[in-house]
C-alpha atoms as a PDB file:
ATOM      1  CA  MET A   1     -78.172 -39.520  65.821  1.00  0.00           C
ATOM      2  CA  LEU A   2     -80.999 -42.079  65.974  1.00  0.00           C
ATOM      3  CA  ASP A   3     -80.833 -42.154  69.775  1.00  0.00           C
ATOM      4  CA  GLY A   4     -80.950 -38.362  69.799  1.00  0.00           C
ATOM      5  CA  TRP A   5     -84.011 -38.087  67.552  1.00  0.00           C
ATOM      6  CA  LEU A   6     -85.842 -40.833  69.413  1.00  0.00           C
ATOM      7  CA  ASP A   7     -85.130 -39.155  72.754  1.00  0.00           C
ATOM      8  CA  TYR A   8     -86.244 -35.813  71.298  1.00  0.00           C
ATOM      9  CA  HIS A   9     -89.622 -37.301  70.370  1.00  0.00           C
ATOM     10  CA  ARG A  10     -89.948 -39.104  73.702  1.00  0.00           C
ATOM     11  CA  SER A  11     -89.361 -35.838  75.546  1.00  0.00           C
ATOM     12  CA  THR A  12     -91.794 -34.012  73.239  1.00  0.00           C
ATOM     13  CA  LEU A  13     -94.609 -36.368  74.253  1.00  0.00           C
ATOM     14  CA  ALA A  14     -93.720 -35.888  77.916  1.00  0.00           C
ATOM     15  CA  TRP A  15     -93.716 -32.104  77.396  1.00  0.00           C
ATOM     16  CA  LYS A  16     -97.172 -32.223  75.775  1.00  0.00           C
ATOM     17  CA  CYS A  17     -98.490 -33.906  78.940  1.00  0.00           C
ATOM     18  CA  GLU A  18     -96.667 -31.654  81.379  1.00  0.00           C
ATOM     19  CA  GLY A  19     -98.677 -29.641  83.873  1.00  0.00           C
ATOM     20  CA  LEU A  20    -102.042 -31.229  83.126  1.00  0.00           C
ATOM     21  CA  LYS A  21    -104.379 -32.871  85.631  1.00  0.00           C
ATOM     22  CA  ASP A  22    -105.417 -36.517  85.293  1.00  0.00           C
ATOM     23  CA  GLU A  23    -108.851 -35.417  84.073  1.00  0.00           C
ATOM     24  CA  GLN A  24    -107.266 -33.401  81.246  1.00  0.00           C
ATOM     25  CA  LEU A  25    -104.846 -36.201  80.317  1.00  0.00           C
ATOM     26  CA  ARG A  26    -107.777 -38.627  80.092  1.00  0.00           C
ATOM     27  CA  SER A  27    -109.987 -36.303  78.035  1.00  0.00           C
ATOM     28  CA  THR A  28    -110.889 -37.087  74.417  1.00  0.00           C
ATOM     29  CA  PRO A  29    -111.609 -33.629  72.992  1.00  0.00           C
ATOM     30  CA  LEU A  30    -111.337 -34.654  69.325  1.00  0.00           C
ATOM     31  CA  LEU A  31    -114.575 -36.622  69.026  1.00  0.00           C
ATOM     32  CA  PRO A  32    -115.367 -39.043  67.566  1.00  0.00           C
ATOM     33  CA  SER A  33    -111.728 -40.051  68.121  1.00  0.00           C
ATOM     34  CA  GLU A  34    -110.908 -41.877  71.359  1.00  0.00           C
ATOM     35  CA  LEU A  35    -107.429 -40.346  71.436  1.00  0.00           C
ATOM     36  CA  SER A  36    -106.236 -38.922  74.732  1.00  0.00           C
ATOM     37  CA  LEU A  37    -102.819 -37.936  76.000  1.00  0.00           C
ATOM     38  CA  LEU A  38    -103.022 -40.698  78.612  1.00  0.00           C
ATOM     39  CA  GLY A  39    -103.875 -43.199  75.883  1.00  0.00           C
ATOM     40  CA  LEU A  40    -100.967 -42.024  73.728  1.00  0.00           C
ATOM     41  CA  VAL A  41     -98.521 -42.499  76.594  1.00  0.00           C
ATOM     42  CA  ARG A  42     -99.903 -45.970  77.329  1.00  0.00           C
ATOM     43  CA  HIS A  43     -99.725 -46.795  73.613  1.00  0.00           C
ATOM     44  CA  MET A  44     -96.105 -45.693  73.376  1.00  0.00           C
ATOM     45  CA  ALA A  45     -95.227 -47.839  76.405  1.00  0.00           C
ATOM     46  CA  GLU A  46     -96.673 -50.822  74.509  1.00  0.00           C
ATOM     47  CA  VAL A  47     -94.806 -49.848  71.325  1.00  0.00           C
ATOM     48  CA  GLU A  48     -91.458 -49.419  73.122  1.00  0.00           C
ATOM     49  CA  ARG A  49     -91.912 -52.827  74.753  1.00  0.00           C
ATOM     50  CA  TYR A  50     -92.959 -54.543  71.535  1.00  0.00           C
ATOM     51  CA  TRP A  51     -90.269 -53.311  69.169  1.00  0.00           C
ATOM     52  CA  PHE A  52     -87.215 -53.237  71.396  1.00  0.00           C
ATOM     53  CA  ARG A  53     -87.796 -56.157  73.716  1.00  0.00           C
ATOM     54  CA  GLU A  54     -90.207 -58.490  71.967  1.00  0.00           C
ATOM     55  CA  ILE A  55     -89.024 -58.058  68.379  1.00  0.00           C
ATOM     56  CA  MET A  56     -85.336 -57.236  68.792  1.00  0.00           C
ATOM     57  CA  LEU A  57     -84.600 -59.377  71.868  1.00  0.00           C
ATOM     58  CA  GLY A  58     -87.212 -62.063  71.209  1.00  0.00           C
ATOM     59  CA  ALA A  59     -88.655 -61.694  74.720  1.00  0.00           C
ATOM     60  CA  ASP A  60     -92.041 -63.296  75.315  1.00  0.00           C
ATOM     61  CA  LEU A  61     -93.850 -60.568  77.243  1.00  0.00           C
ATOM     62  CA  PRO A  62     -97.524 -60.051  78.014  1.00  0.00           C
ATOM     63  CA  GLU A  63     -99.305 -57.002  76.692  1.00  0.00           C
ATOM     64  CA  LEU A  64     -99.372 -54.074  79.076  1.00  0.00           C
ATOM     65  CA  TYR A  65    -102.886 -52.865  78.296  1.00  0.00           C
ATOM     66  CA  SER A  66    -104.222 -54.555  75.169  1.00  0.00           C
ATOM     67  CA  THR A  67    -106.020 -57.889  75.167  1.00  0.00           C
ATOM     68  CA  SER A  68    -107.474 -60.150  72.513  1.00  0.00           C
ATOM     69  CA  GLU A  69    -110.901 -58.791  73.512  1.00  0.00           C
ATOM     70  CA  ASP A  70    -109.666 -55.186  73.388  1.00  0.00           C
ATOM     71  CA  PRO A  71    -106.670 -54.757  71.073  1.00  0.00           C
ATOM     72  CA  ASP A  72    -106.859 -50.983  71.698  1.00  0.00           C
ATOM     73  CA  GLY A  73    -106.788 -51.391  75.475  1.00  0.00           C
ATOM     74  CA  ASP A  74    -103.990 -48.854  75.741  1.00  0.00           C
ATOM     75  CA  PHE A  75    -106.575 -46.201  74.779  1.00  0.00           C
ATOM     76  CA  HIS A  76    -109.318 -47.613  77.031  1.00  0.00           C
ATOM     77  CA  PHE A  77    -108.808 -47.095  80.724  1.00  0.00           C
ATOM     78  CA  THR A  78    -110.774 -47.188  83.928  1.00  0.00           C
ATOM     79  CA  ASP A  79    -111.120 -44.706  86.759  1.00  0.00           C
ATOM     80  CA  GLU A  80    -108.371 -46.612  88.584  1.00  0.00           C
ATOM     81  CA  ASP A  81    -105.814 -45.960  85.825  1.00  0.00           C
ATOM     82  CA  SER A  82    -103.775 -42.885  86.663  1.00  0.00           C
ATOM     83  CA  TRP A  83    -101.286 -40.629  84.936  1.00  0.00           C
ATOM     84  CA  SER A  84     -98.602 -41.324  87.536  1.00  0.00           C
ATOM     85  CA  GLU A  85     -98.849 -45.091  87.054  1.00  0.00           C
ATOM     86  CA  SER A  86     -99.002 -44.804  83.250  1.00  0.00           C
ATOM     87  CA  GLU A  87     -96.079 -42.386  83.092  1.00  0.00           C
ATOM     88  CA  GLU A  88     -94.028 -44.678  85.327  1.00  0.00           C
ATOM     89  CA  VAL A  89     -94.767 -47.690  83.109  1.00  0.00           C
ATOM     90  CA  TRP A  90     -93.873 -45.660  79.990  1.00  0.00           C
ATOM     91  CA  GLN A  91     -90.609 -44.375  81.463  1.00  0.00           C
ATOM     92  CA  THR A  92     -89.716 -47.908  82.596  1.00  0.00           C
ATOM     93  CA  GLU A  93     -90.342 -49.224  79.082  1.00  0.00           C
ATOM     94  CA  VAL A  94     -88.242 -46.392  77.607  1.00  0.00           C
ATOM     95  CA  GLU A  95     -85.347 -47.317  79.915  1.00  0.00           C
ATOM     96  CA  LEU A  96     -85.710 -51.026  79.127  1.00  0.00           C
ATOM     97  CA  ALA A  97     -85.754 -50.171  75.404  1.00  0.00           C
ATOM     98  CA  ARG A  98     -82.527 -48.190  75.810  1.00  0.00           C
ATOM     99  CA  GLN A  99     -80.964 -51.158  77.587  1.00  0.00           C
ATOM    100  CA  ALA A 100     -82.188 -53.551  74.893  1.00  0.00           C
ATOM    101  CA  ALA A 101     -80.519 -51.481  72.158  1.00  0.00           C
ATOM    102  CA  ALA A 102     -77.338 -50.606  74.060  1.00  0.00           C
ATOM    103  CA  GLY A 103     -74.159 -52.050  72.644  1.00  0.00           C
ATOM    104  CA  HIS A 104     -75.805 -53.598  69.600  1.00  0.00           C
ATOM    105  CA  SER A 105     -74.960 -52.855  66.000  1.00  0.00           C
ATOM    106  CA  LEU A 106     -77.664 -51.092  64.029  1.00  0.00           C
ATOM    107  CA  ASP A 107     -77.363 -54.048  61.657  1.00  0.00           C
ATOM    108  CA  LEU A 108     -78.545 -56.498  64.333  1.00  0.00           C
ATOM    109  CA  VAL A 109     -81.591 -58.323  62.959  1.00  0.00           C
ATOM    110  CA  SER A 110     -84.524 -59.814  64.778  1.00  0.00           C
ATOM    111  CA  ASP A 111     -85.423 -63.476  64.763  1.00  0.00           C
ATOM    112  CA  PRO A 112     -88.165 -64.170  62.181  1.00  0.00           C
ATOM    113  CA  GLY A 113     -90.088 -65.987  64.910  1.00  0.00           C
ATOM    114  CA  SER A 114     -90.386 -62.812  66.982  1.00  0.00           C
ATOM    115  CA  HIS A 115     -92.950 -61.286  64.594  1.00  0.00           C
ATOM    116  CA  HIS A 116     -96.355 -62.795  63.854  1.00  0.00           C
ATOM    117  CA  ARG A 117     -95.757 -62.530  60.086  1.00  0.00           C
ATOM    118  CA  GLY A 118     -92.227 -63.942  60.260  1.00  0.00           C
ATOM    119  CA  GLU A 119     -90.655 -60.667  59.145  1.00  0.00           C
ATOM    120  CA  VAL A 120     -87.105 -59.702  60.091  1.00  0.00           C
ATOM    121  CA  PHE A 121     -86.189 -56.183  61.221  1.00  0.00           C
ATOM    122  CA  SER A 122     -82.846 -54.518  61.801  1.00  0.00           C
ATOM    123  CA  LEU A 123     -82.254 -52.396  64.877  1.00  0.00           C
ATOM    124  CA  ARG A 124     -81.760 -49.476  62.456  1.00  0.00           C
ATOM    125  CA  TRP A 125     -85.258 -50.093  61.046  1.00  0.00           C
ATOM    126  CA  VAL A 126     -86.727 -50.255  64.560  1.00  0.00           C
ATOM    127  CA  TYR A 127     -85.147 -46.906  65.492  1.00  0.00           C
ATOM    128  CA  ASN A 128     -86.504 -45.271  62.348  1.00  0.00           C
ATOM    129  CA  HIS A 129     -89.934 -46.785  62.905  1.00  0.00           C
ATOM    130  CA  MET A 130     -89.992 -45.593  66.521  1.00  0.00           C
ATOM    131  CA  ILE A 131     -89.028 -42.060  65.464  1.00  0.00           C
ATOM    132  CA  GLU A 132     -91.851 -42.126  62.898  1.00  0.00           C
ATOM    133  CA  GLU A 133     -94.303 -43.556  65.456  1.00  0.00           C
ATOM    134  CA  TYR A 134     -93.521 -40.872  68.019  1.00  0.00           C
ATOM    135  CA  ALA A 135     -93.546 -38.093  65.401  1.00  0.00           C
ATOM    136  CA  ARG A 136     -97.016 -39.125  64.199  1.00  0.00           C
ATOM    137  CA  HIS A 137     -98.409 -39.390  67.704  1.00  0.00           C
ATOM    138  CA  ASN A 138     -96.751 -36.145  68.776  1.00  0.00           C
ATOM    139  CA  GLY A 139     -98.821 -34.499  66.044  1.00  0.00           C
ATOM    140  CA  HIS A 140    -101.888 -35.988  67.699  1.00  0.00           C
ATOM    141  CA  ALA A 141    -100.603 -34.766  71.072  1.00  0.00           C
ATOM    142  CA  ASP A 142    -100.230 -31.228  69.657  1.00  0.00           C
ATOM    143  CA  LEU A 143    -103.886 -31.184  68.638  1.00  0.00           C
ATOM    144  CA  LEU A 144    -105.072 -32.732  71.893  1.00  0.00           C
ATOM    145  CA  ARG A 145    -103.115 -30.274  74.025  1.00  0.00           C
ATOM    146  CA  GLU A 146    -104.351 -27.288  72.033  1.00  0.00           C
ATOM    147  CA  HIS A 147    -107.957 -28.437  72.503  1.00  0.00           C
ATOM    148  CA  ILE A 148    -107.427 -29.115  76.215  1.00  0.00           C
ATOM    149  CA  ASP A 149    -105.932 -25.804  77.294  1.00  0.00           C
ATOM    150  CA  GLY A 150    -104.969 -23.838  74.196  1.00  0.00           C
ATOM    151  CA  ALA A 151    -101.240 -24.520  74.631  1.00  0.00           C
ATOM    152  CA  THR A 152     -99.283 -24.714  71.411  1.00  0.00           C
ATOM    153  CA  GLY A 153     -95.598 -25.056  70.790  1.00  0.00           C
ATOM    154  CA  GLU A 154     -92.765 -26.299  68.720  1.00  0.00           C
END
């Protein structure tokens, strides 16, 4: 059930981006917010990587987009950053997250050293958090898409 809900929300974000041009995906129509559909996809790639591979597996991975100088780097991009590259990175991180969770009990707990505050998380908690994270950002995506081209949906 958790896999199903998480995949539902992953596909909802992809659907909200479907059929748009790079310019539209990069747009920030909800000023003063810097939110864009491209930024949300880049953010979710970072979140997938962080929770499933860094926290649950203890992998020491570099940030994809954020830096110490720009902790919101996933939402700040240059003219060279494209939808196709960002979508590919996101889909790769989704697949790596699936692999990281595969075959593990939902009661698997992270190493306290994998989180900067020393907290421990179960895989069950991570799934629920990811569902919540996608659901919240899919609400943002709904508003962005409606402002971009008027499209609304479920």
